[in-house]
Amino acid sequence: MKVVILAGGLGTRLSEETGIKPKPMVEIGGMPILWHIMKIYSAYGYNDFIICLGYKGYIVKEYFTNYFLHKSDLTIDLKSNSFEIHKSEAESWKITLVNTGDDSMTGGRIKRIQKYVKDETFMLTYGDGVGDINIKSLVDYHLNHGKLVTVTSIQPLGRFGALAVSGDNEVFSFLEKPKGDGSWINGGYMVCQPGIFNFINNGDDTIWEREPMQNIASSGEMYAYKHHGFWRPMDTLKDKHELNEMWNKGNSPWKIW
């Protein structure tokens, strides 16, 4: 089963980083968050990726084109313009890098990779969120209910600390980052049937999260896989710093490999 990753957005809320690289290439622990996402899938044996490129997509192409050399020990002979590889670390990944347009919306990008997934069930996620998602359980759930789409739903952390206050204003508990208002949101890590392409009808301007997903849901063809574990997006510089801090302290729940 192929894994489609949306990696073409501008990432405007991370402009300190994304002025020079696409958002999925912003690093956690010295490796792009895109790599972390791919490692999550790879841990469950899914190694065939389709990456939807847009903004500064050439950087992603150059990264994976040179990945083998980046992860190897080399002796370079400048005089003969040759090199010898002594030790290498290679992933068992097949990666299809597709230019889906600098200005395409998410639905437009998905539509453009239809010819690469053909008539097969495929997975779909965003290039900016990590979690300890049980991919096997997710796929099994999707195949069992037989609908068009399964969305991994999560309950995000609240933005502010929560106080539990007694009647006389005594604070008797404090939670730094409680769950939000109890709502479940789309955390990515979706499984899709090829029938979803029939719902993407407005070309590159189609936003997957609007008409297509809304119409699929109203047709009774979307189920939620509730994930109660760790999940965190990298939307802001603060998110990036927090994820790096977790990684550096050896407290990175998404590292399931």
C-alpha atoms as a PDB file:
ATOM      1  CA  MET A   1       0.000   0.000   0.000  1.00  0.00           C
ATOM      2  CA  LYS A   2       1.379   3.378  -1.011  1.00  0.00           C
ATOM      3  CA  VAL A   3       1.720   6.329   1.370  1.00  0.00           C
ATOM      4  CA  VAL A   4       0.921   9.783  -0.030  1.00  0.00           C
ATOM      5  CA  ILE A   5       2.385  12.739   1.865  1.00  0.00           C
ATOM      6  CA  LEU A   6       1.297  16.327   1.240  1.00  0.00           C
ATOM      7  CA  ALA A   7       4.512  18.347   1.300  1.00  0.00           C
ATOM      8  CA  GLY A   8       3.869  21.368  -0.887  1.00  0.00           C
ATOM      9  CA  GLY A   9       2.485  24.083   1.384  1.00  0.00           C
ATOM     10  CA  LEU A  10       4.144  27.382   2.277  1.00  0.00           C
ATOM     11  CA  GLY A  11       4.201  26.955   6.068  1.00  0.00           C
ATOM     12  CA  THR A  12       3.705  30.677   6.677  1.00  0.00           C
ATOM     13  CA  ARG A  13       3.518  30.315  10.468  1.00  0.00           C
ATOM     14  CA  LEU A  14       7.062  28.929  10.400  1.00  0.00           C
ATOM     15  CA  SER A  15       8.408  31.716   8.195  1.00  0.00           C
ATOM     16  CA  GLU A  16      11.661  31.881  10.157  1.00  0.00           C
ATOM     17  CA  GLU A  17      12.445  28.448   8.715  1.00  0.00           C
ATOM     18  CA  THR A  18      10.333  28.187   5.597  1.00  0.00           C
ATOM     19  CA  GLY A  19      11.823  31.224   3.924  1.00  0.00           C
ATOM     20  CA  ILE A  20      14.642  28.931   2.798  1.00  0.00           C
ATOM     21  CA  LYS A  21      13.077  25.447   2.799  1.00  0.00           C
ATOM     22  CA  PRO A  22       9.663  23.783   2.569  1.00  0.00           C
ATOM     23  CA  LYS A  23       7.962  23.099   5.886  1.00  0.00           C
ATOM     24  CA  PRO A  24       8.375  19.283   5.746  1.00  0.00           C
ATOM     25  CA  MET A  25      12.142  19.818   5.582  1.00  0.00           C
ATOM     26  CA  VAL A  26      12.284  21.706   8.894  1.00  0.00           C
ATOM     27  CA  GLU A  27      14.381  19.538  11.175  1.00  0.00           C
ATOM     28  CA  ILE A  28      13.709  17.697  14.408  1.00  0.00           C
ATOM     29  CA  GLY A  29      16.863  16.245  15.898  1.00  0.00           C
ATOM     30  CA  GLY A  30      18.840  17.010  12.758  1.00  0.00           C
ATOM     31  CA  MET A  31      16.442  15.204  10.401  1.00  0.00           C
ATOM     32  CA  PRO A  32      13.487  16.685   8.462  1.00  0.00           C
ATOM     33  CA  ILE A  33      10.059  16.122   9.993  1.00  0.00           C
ATOM     34  CA  LEU A  34       9.207  14.472   6.656  1.00  0.00           C
ATOM     35  CA  TRP A  35      11.815  11.798   7.457  1.00  0.00           C
ATOM     36  CA  HIS A  36      10.262  11.234  10.894  1.00  0.00           C
ATOM     37  CA  ILE A  37       6.828  10.729   9.311  1.00  0.00           C
ATOM     38  CA  MET A  38       8.231   8.268   6.783  1.00  0.00           C
ATOM     39  CA  LYS A  39       9.980   6.365   9.567  1.00  0.00           C
ATOM     40  CA  ILE A  40       6.640   5.954  11.381  1.00  0.00           C
ATOM     41  CA  TYR A  41       5.125   4.271   8.326  1.00  0.00           C
ATOM     42  CA  SER A  42       8.267   2.297   7.602  1.00  0.00           C
ATOM     43  CA  ALA A  43       8.200   0.840  11.125  1.00  0.00           C
ATOM     44  CA  TYR A  44       5.015  -0.967  10.052  1.00  0.00           C
ATOM     45  CA  GLY A  45       6.445  -2.128   6.736  1.00  0.00           C
ATOM     46  CA  TYR A  46       5.060   0.604   4.470  1.00  0.00           C
ATOM     47  CA  ASN A  47       7.979   1.786   2.347  1.00  0.00           C
ATOM     48  CA  ASP A  48       6.417   2.973  -0.923  1.00  0.00           C
ATOM     49  CA  PHE A  49       5.946   6.754  -0.761  1.00  0.00           C
ATOM     50  CA  ILE A  50       4.468   9.396  -3.049  1.00  0.00           C
ATOM     51  CA  ILE A  51       5.420  12.901  -1.963  1.00  0.00           C
ATOM     52  CA  CYS A  52       3.360  15.817  -3.295  1.00  0.00           C
ATOM     53  CA  LEU A  53       5.770  18.687  -3.884  1.00  0.00           C
ATOM     54  CA  GLY A  54       5.103  22.383  -4.335  1.00  0.00           C
ATOM     55  CA  TYR A  55       6.899  25.258  -2.656  1.00  0.00           C
ATOM     56  CA  LYS A  56      10.686  24.757  -2.999  1.00  0.00           C
ATOM     57  CA  GLY A  57      10.091  21.136  -3.971  1.00  0.00           C
ATOM     58  CA  TYR A  58      13.547  20.927  -5.530  1.00  0.00           C
ATOM     59  CA  ILE A  59      15.025  20.894  -2.006  1.00  0.00           C
ATOM     60  CA  VAL A  60      13.136  17.677  -1.222  1.00  0.00           C
ATOM     61  CA  LYS A  61      14.321  16.190  -4.521  1.00  0.00           C
ATOM     62  CA  GLU A  62      17.929  17.112  -3.833  1.00  0.00           C
ATOM     63  CA  TYR A  63      17.725  15.728  -0.285  1.00  0.00           C
ATOM     64  CA  PHE A  64      16.555  12.280  -1.335  1.00  0.00           C
ATOM     65  CA  THR A  65      18.714  12.188  -4.471  1.00  0.00           C
ATOM     66  CA  ASN A  66      21.764  12.597  -2.219  1.00  0.00           C
ATOM     67  CA  TYR A  67      20.397  10.691   0.785  1.00  0.00           C
ATOM     68  CA  PHE A  68      22.655   7.680   0.250  1.00  0.00           C
ATOM     69  CA  LEU A  69      25.759   9.874   0.218  1.00  0.00           C
ATOM     70  CA  HIS A  70      24.561  11.931   3.195  1.00  0.00           C
ATOM     71  CA  LYS A  71      24.318   8.765   5.270  1.00  0.00           C
ATOM     72  CA  SER A  72      27.621   7.241   4.137  1.00  0.00           C
ATOM     73  CA  ASP A  73      31.287   7.428   5.097  1.00  0.00           C
ATOM     74  CA  LEU A  74      33.270   8.425   2.021  1.00  0.00           C
ATOM     75  CA  THR A  75      36.786   8.845   0.729  1.00  0.00           C
ATOM     76  CA  ILE A  76      36.825  11.437  -2.046  1.00  0.00           C
ATOM     77  CA  ASP A  77      39.722  11.629  -4.508  1.00  0.00           C
ATOM     78  CA  LEU A  78      39.502  15.088  -6.016  1.00  0.00           C
ATOM     79  CA  LYS A  79      42.294  14.448  -8.501  1.00  0.00           C
ATOM     80  CA  SER A  80      40.505  11.530 -10.128  1.00  0.00           C
ATOM     81  CA  ASN A  81      37.041  12.895  -9.361  1.00  0.00           C
ATOM     82  CA  SER A  82      36.050   9.643  -7.724  1.00  0.00           C
ATOM     83  CA  PHE A  83      34.859   8.460  -4.327  1.00  0.00           C
ATOM     84  CA  GLU A  84      34.787   5.265  -2.325  1.00  0.00           C
ATOM     85  CA  ILE A  85      31.929   4.358   0.013  1.00  0.00           C
ATOM     86  CA  HIS A  86      33.029   2.680   3.230  1.00  0.00           C
ATOM     87  CA  LYS A  87      29.853   2.555   5.291  1.00  0.00           C
ATOM     88  CA  SER A  88      26.300   3.475   4.492  1.00  0.00           C
ATOM     89  CA  GLU A  89      22.876   3.556   6.056  1.00  0.00           C
ATOM     90  CA  ALA A  90      20.074   3.162   3.562  1.00  0.00           C
ATOM     91  CA  GLU A  91      16.329   3.045   4.058  1.00  0.00           C
ATOM     92  CA  SER A  92      14.307   0.460   2.143  1.00  0.00           C
ATOM     93  CA  TRP A  93      12.155   3.195   0.654  1.00  0.00           C
ATOM     94  CA  LYS A  94      10.816   3.734  -2.830  1.00  0.00           C
ATOM     95  CA  ILE A  95       9.983   7.423  -3.221  1.00  0.00           C
ATOM     96  CA  THR A  96       8.012   9.017  -6.052  1.00  0.00           C
ATOM     97  CA  LEU A  97       8.455  12.792  -5.981  1.00  0.00           C
ATOM     98  CA  VAL A  98       5.679  14.587  -7.854  1.00  0.00           C
ATOM     99  CA  ASN A  99       5.519  18.278  -8.718  1.00  0.00           C
ATOM    100  CA  THR A 100       1.914  19.127  -7.825  1.00  0.00           C
ATOM    101  CA  GLY A 101       2.159  22.890  -8.376  1.00  0.00           C
ATOM    102  CA  ASP A 102       3.409  25.769  -6.263  1.00  0.00           C
ATOM    103  CA  ASP A 103      -0.074  27.175  -5.673  1.00  0.00           C
ATOM    104  CA  SER A 104      -2.216  24.027  -5.656  1.00  0.00           C
ATOM    105  CA  MET A 105      -4.532  23.402  -2.732  1.00  0.00           C
ATOM    106  CA  THR A 106      -4.518  20.074  -0.888  1.00  0.00           C
ATOM    107  CA  GLY A 107      -7.268  18.547  -3.009  1.00  0.00           C
ATOM    108  CA  GLY A 108      -5.564  19.629  -6.204  1.00  0.00           C
ATOM    109  CA  ARG A 109      -2.349  17.966  -5.084  1.00  0.00           C
ATOM    110  CA  ILE A 110      -4.150  14.728  -4.265  1.00  0.00           C
ATOM    111  CA  LYS A 111      -5.882  14.717  -7.654  1.00  0.00           C
ATOM    112  CA  ARG A 112      -2.546  15.102  -9.427  1.00  0.00           C
ATOM    113  CA  ILE A 113      -1.153  11.870  -7.978  1.00  0.00           C
ATOM    114  CA  GLN A 114      -4.157   9.764  -9.020  1.00  0.00           C
ATOM    115  CA  LYS A 115      -2.202   8.117 -11.831  1.00  0.00           C
ATOM    116  CA  TYR A 116       0.422   6.913  -9.350  1.00  0.00           C
ATOM    117  CA  VAL A 117      -1.994   5.201  -6.949  1.00  0.00           C
ATOM    118  CA  LYS A 118      -4.304   3.993  -9.751  1.00  0.00           C
ATOM    119  CA  ASP A 119      -7.095   1.811  -8.358  1.00  0.00           C
ATOM    120  CA  GLU A 120      -5.379   0.836  -5.112  1.00  0.00           C
ATOM    121  CA  THR A 121      -6.199   1.647  -1.500  1.00  0.00           C
ATOM    122  CA  PHE A 122      -3.631   4.172  -0.246  1.00  0.00           C
ATOM    123  CA  MET A 123      -2.660   6.112   2.855  1.00  0.00           C
ATOM    124  CA  LEU A 124      -2.597   9.892   3.021  1.00  0.00           C
ATOM    125  CA  THR A 125      -1.150  12.337   5.525  1.00  0.00           C
ATOM    126  CA  TYR A 126       0.299  15.797   5.956  1.00  0.00           C
ATOM    127  CA  GLY A 127       4.008  16.585   6.041  1.00  0.00           C
ATOM    128  CA  ASP A 128       3.994  18.300   9.419  1.00  0.00           C
ATOM    129  CA  GLY A 129       2.547  16.018  12.114  1.00  0.00           C
ATOM    130  CA  VAL A 130       4.019  13.147  14.124  1.00  0.00           C
ATOM    131  CA  GLY A 131       2.449  10.650  16.498  1.00  0.00           C
ATOM    132  CA  ASP A 132       2.663   7.138  17.855  1.00  0.00           C
ATOM    133  CA  ILE A 133      -0.092   6.026  15.491  1.00  0.00           C
ATOM    134  CA  ASN A 134      -0.581   2.273  15.243  1.00  0.00           C
ATOM    135  CA  ILE A 135      -0.604   2.122  11.450  1.00  0.00           C
ATOM    136  CA  LYS A 136      -1.464  -1.585  11.353  1.00  0.00           C
ATOM    137  CA  SER A 137      -4.500  -1.061  13.568  1.00  0.00           C
ATOM    138  CA  LEU A 138      -5.525   1.944  11.460  1.00  0.00           C
ATOM    139  CA  VAL A 139      -5.345  -0.021   8.205  1.00  0.00           C
ATOM    140  CA  ASP A 140      -7.181  -3.015   9.677  1.00  0.00           C
ATOM    141  CA  TYR A 141      -9.937  -0.719  10.927  1.00  0.00           C
ATOM    142  CA  HIS A 142     -10.301   0.848   7.483  1.00  0.00           C
ATOM    143  CA  LEU A 143     -10.438  -2.449   5.625  1.00  0.00           C
ATOM    144  CA  ASN A 144     -13.003  -3.832   8.057  1.00  0.00           C
ATOM    145  CA  HIS A 145     -15.566  -1.030   7.731  1.00  0.00           C
ATOM    146  CA  GLY A 146     -15.293  -0.827   3.940  1.00  0.00           C
ATOM    147  CA  LYS A 147     -15.927   2.920   3.532  1.00  0.00           C
ATOM    148  CA  LEU A 148     -14.073   5.380   1.304  1.00  0.00           C
ATOM    149  CA  VAL A 149     -12.025   7.191   3.968  1.00  0.00           C
ATOM    150  CA  THR A 150     -10.730   6.648   7.473  1.00  0.00           C
ATOM    151  CA  VAL A 151      -9.422   9.715   9.264  1.00  0.00           C
ATOM    152  CA  THR A 152      -7.251   9.439  12.358  1.00  0.00           C
ATOM    153  CA  SER A 153      -8.981  11.674  14.878  1.00  0.00           C
ATOM    154  CA  ILE A 154      -7.206  13.136  17.874  1.00  0.00           C
ATOM    155  CA  GLN A 155      -7.964  15.451  20.771  1.00  0.00           C
ATOM    156  CA  PRO A 156      -5.398  18.274  20.702  1.00  0.00           C
ATOM    157  CA  LEU A 157      -3.871  19.797  23.782  1.00  0.00           C
ATOM    158  CA  GLY A 158      -5.330  23.083  24.999  1.00  0.00           C
ATOM    159  CA  ARG A 159      -3.375  26.249  24.355  1.00  0.00           C
ATOM    160  CA  PHE A 160      -3.495  27.414  27.948  1.00  0.00           C
ATOM    161  CA  GLY A 161      -3.106  25.890  31.392  1.00  0.00           C
ATOM    162  CA  ALA A 162      -6.309  24.826  33.152  1.00  0.00           C
ATOM    163  CA  LEU A 163      -7.197  25.596  36.754  1.00  0.00           C
ATOM    164  CA  ALA A 164      -9.569  23.612  38.930  1.00  0.00           C
ATOM    165  CA  VAL A 165     -10.961  26.177  41.376  1.00  0.00           C
ATOM    166  CA  SER A 166     -13.108  25.601  44.453  1.00  0.00           C
ATOM    167  CA  GLY A 167     -16.086  27.736  45.488  1.00  0.00           C
ATOM    168  CA  ASP A 168     -13.884  29.997  47.619  1.00  0.00           C
ATOM    169  CA  ASN A 169     -11.358  30.424  44.792  1.00  0.00           C
ATOM    170  CA  GLU A 170      -8.802  27.932  46.094  1.00  0.00           C
ATOM    171  CA  VAL A 171      -6.896  26.344  43.209  1.00  0.00           C
ATOM    172  CA  PHE A 172      -6.746  22.646  43.962  1.00  0.00           C
ATOM    173  CA  SER A 173      -5.221  21.406  40.697  1.00  0.00           C
ATOM    174  CA  PHE A 174      -3.391  22.759  37.684  1.00  0.00           C
ATOM    175  CA  LEU A 175      -2.837  21.123  34.319  1.00  0.00           C
ATOM    176  CA  GLU A 176      -0.225  22.771  32.116  1.00  0.00           C
ATOM    177  CA  LYS A 177      -1.528  21.330  28.835  1.00  0.00           C
ATOM    178  CA  PRO A 178      -4.900  19.668  29.266  1.00  0.00           C
ATOM    179  CA  LYS A 179      -6.880  18.267  26.375  1.00  0.00           C
ATOM    180  CA  GLY A 180      -8.823  20.955  24.540  1.00  0.00           C
ATOM    181  CA  ASP A 181     -12.592  21.284  24.551  1.00  0.00           C
ATOM    182  CA  GLY A 182     -13.135  17.574  24.010  1.00  0.00           C
ATOM    183  CA  SER A 183     -13.587  17.871  20.242  1.00  0.00           C
ATOM    184  CA  TRP A 184     -11.970  15.381  17.906  1.00  0.00           C
ATOM    185  CA  ILE A 185     -10.036  16.846  14.973  1.00  0.00           C
ATOM    186  CA  ASN A 186      -8.458  15.542  11.789  1.00  0.00           C
ATOM    187  CA  GLY A 187      -4.927  14.452  12.665  1.00  0.00           C
ATOM    188  CA  GLY A 188      -4.070  13.217   9.180  1.00  0.00           C
ATOM    189  CA  TYR A 189      -2.889   9.609   8.875  1.00  0.00           C
ATOM    190  CA  MET A 190      -5.820   8.740   6.625  1.00  0.00           C
ATOM    191  CA  VAL A 191      -6.585   5.626   4.592  1.00  0.00           C
ATOM    192  CA  CYS A 192      -8.419   6.171   1.308  1.00  0.00           C
ATOM    193  CA  GLN A 193     -10.083   4.223  -1.440  1.00  0.00           C
ATOM    194  CA  PRO A 194      -9.474   5.444  -5.008  1.00  0.00           C
ATOM    195  CA  GLY A 195     -13.146   6.469  -5.152  1.00  0.00           C
ATOM    196  CA  ILE A 196     -12.197   9.694  -3.354  1.00  0.00           C
ATOM    197  CA  PHE A 197     -10.907  11.116  -6.637  1.00  0.00           C
ATOM    198  CA  ASN A 198     -14.511  11.361  -7.833  1.00  0.00           C
ATOM    199  CA  PHE A 199     -15.105  13.962  -5.113  1.00  0.00           C
ATOM    200  CA  ILE A 200     -12.246  16.262  -6.210  1.00  0.00           C
ATOM    201  CA  ASN A 201     -13.776  18.274  -9.020  1.00  0.00           C
ATOM    202  CA  ASN A 202     -12.414  21.825  -8.923  1.00  0.00           C
ATOM    203  CA  GLY A 203      -8.891  21.264 -10.171  1.00  0.00           C
ATOM    204  CA  ASP A 204      -5.917  22.728  -8.333  1.00  0.00           C
ATOM    205  CA  ASP A 205      -8.169  25.074  -6.354  1.00  0.00           C
ATOM    206  CA  THR A 206      -9.870  22.198  -4.539  1.00  0.00           C
ATOM    207  CA  ILE A 207      -9.273  22.153  -0.783  1.00  0.00           C
ATOM    208  CA  TRP A 208      -9.470  18.525   0.329  1.00  0.00           C
ATOM    209  CA  GLU A 209     -10.698  19.437   3.806  1.00  0.00           C
ATOM    210  CA  ARG A 210     -13.727  21.337   2.490  1.00  0.00           C
ATOM    211  CA  GLU A 211     -16.106  20.087  -0.213  1.00  0.00           C
ATOM    212  CA  PRO A 212     -14.474  16.686  -0.852  1.00  0.00           C
ATOM    213  CA  MET A 213     -14.247  15.592   2.780  1.00  0.00           C
ATOM    214  CA  GLN A 214     -17.581  17.206   3.652  1.00  0.00           C
ATOM    215  CA  ASN A 215     -19.333  15.465   0.771  1.00  0.00           C
ATOM    216  CA  ILE A 216     -17.701  12.126   1.532  1.00  0.00           C
ATOM    217  CA  ALA A 217     -18.805  12.441   5.155  1.00  0.00           C
ATOM    218  CA  SER A 218     -22.373  13.429   4.235  1.00  0.00           C
ATOM    219  CA  SER A 219     -22.502  10.378   1.969  1.00  0.00           C
ATOM    220  CA  GLY A 220     -21.786   8.147   4.955  1.00  0.00           C
ATOM    221  CA  GLU A 221     -18.427   7.119   3.523  1.00  0.00           C
ATOM    222  CA  MET A 222     -16.045   8.389   6.218  1.00  0.00           C
ATOM    223  CA  TYR A 223     -15.128   6.803   9.533  1.00  0.00           C
ATOM    224  CA  ALA A 224     -12.889   8.075  12.334  1.00  0.00           C
ATOM    225  CA  TYR A 225     -10.114   6.045  13.878  1.00  0.00           C
ATOM    226  CA  LYS A 226      -9.743   7.493  17.369  1.00  0.00           C
ATOM    227  CA  HIS A 227      -6.134   7.839  18.464  1.00  0.00           C
ATOM    228  CA  HIS A 228      -5.692   8.324  22.209  1.00  0.00           C
ATOM    229  CA  GLY A 229      -1.905   8.453  22.210  1.00  0.00           C
ATOM    230  CA  PHE A 230       0.651  11.098  21.306  1.00  0.00           C
ATOM    231  CA  TRP A 231       0.158  13.414  18.343  1.00  0.00           C
ATOM    232  CA  ARG A 232       1.686  16.803  17.687  1.00  0.00           C
ATOM    233  CA  PRO A 233       1.712  19.102  14.647  1.00  0.00           C
ATOM    234  CA  MET A 234       4.567  21.438  13.821  1.00  0.00           C
ATOM    235  CA  ASP A 235       2.664  24.601  12.984  1.00  0.00           C
ATOM    236  CA  THR A 236       4.803  27.228  14.692  1.00  0.00           C
ATOM    237  CA  LEU A 237       8.365  27.879  15.781  1.00  0.00           C
ATOM    238  CA  LYS A 238       7.264  27.063  19.318  1.00  0.00           C
ATOM    239  CA  ASP A 239       6.071  23.635  18.162  1.00  0.00           C
ATOM    240  CA  LYS A 240       9.414  23.068  16.462  1.00  0.00           C
ATOM    241  CA  HIS A 241      11.350  23.950  19.630  1.00  0.00           C
ATOM    242  CA  GLU A 242       9.152  21.697  21.773  1.00  0.00           C
ATOM    243  CA  LEU A 243       9.519  18.728  19.432  1.00  0.00           C
ATOM    244  CA  ASN A 244      13.289  19.207  19.303  1.00  0.00           C
ATOM    245  CA  GLU A 245      13.442  19.430  23.071  1.00  0.00           C
ATOM    246  CA  MET A 246      11.517  16.182  23.385  1.00  0.00           C
ATOM    247  CA  TRP A 247      13.828  14.487  20.885  1.00  0.00           C
ATOM    248  CA  ASN A 248      16.998  15.750  22.570  1.00  0.00           C
ATOM    249  CA  LYS A 249      15.781  14.517  25.960  1.00  0.00           C
ATOM    250  CA  GLY A 250      15.001  11.072  24.594  1.00  0.00           C
ATOM    251  CA  ASN A 251      11.296  11.634  25.195  1.00  0.00           C
ATOM    252  CA  SER A 252       9.884  11.364  21.688  1.00  0.00           C
ATOM    253  CA  PRO A 253       6.797   9.084  21.698  1.00  0.00           C
ATOM    254  CA  TRP A 254       6.538   9.116  17.907  1.00  0.00           C
ATOM    255  CA  LYS A 255       9.914   7.336  17.622  1.00  0.00           C
ATOM    256  CA  ILE A 256       8.478   3.841  17.262  1.00  0.00           C
ATOM    257  CA  TRP A 257      11.305   2.539  15.063  1.00  0.00           C
END
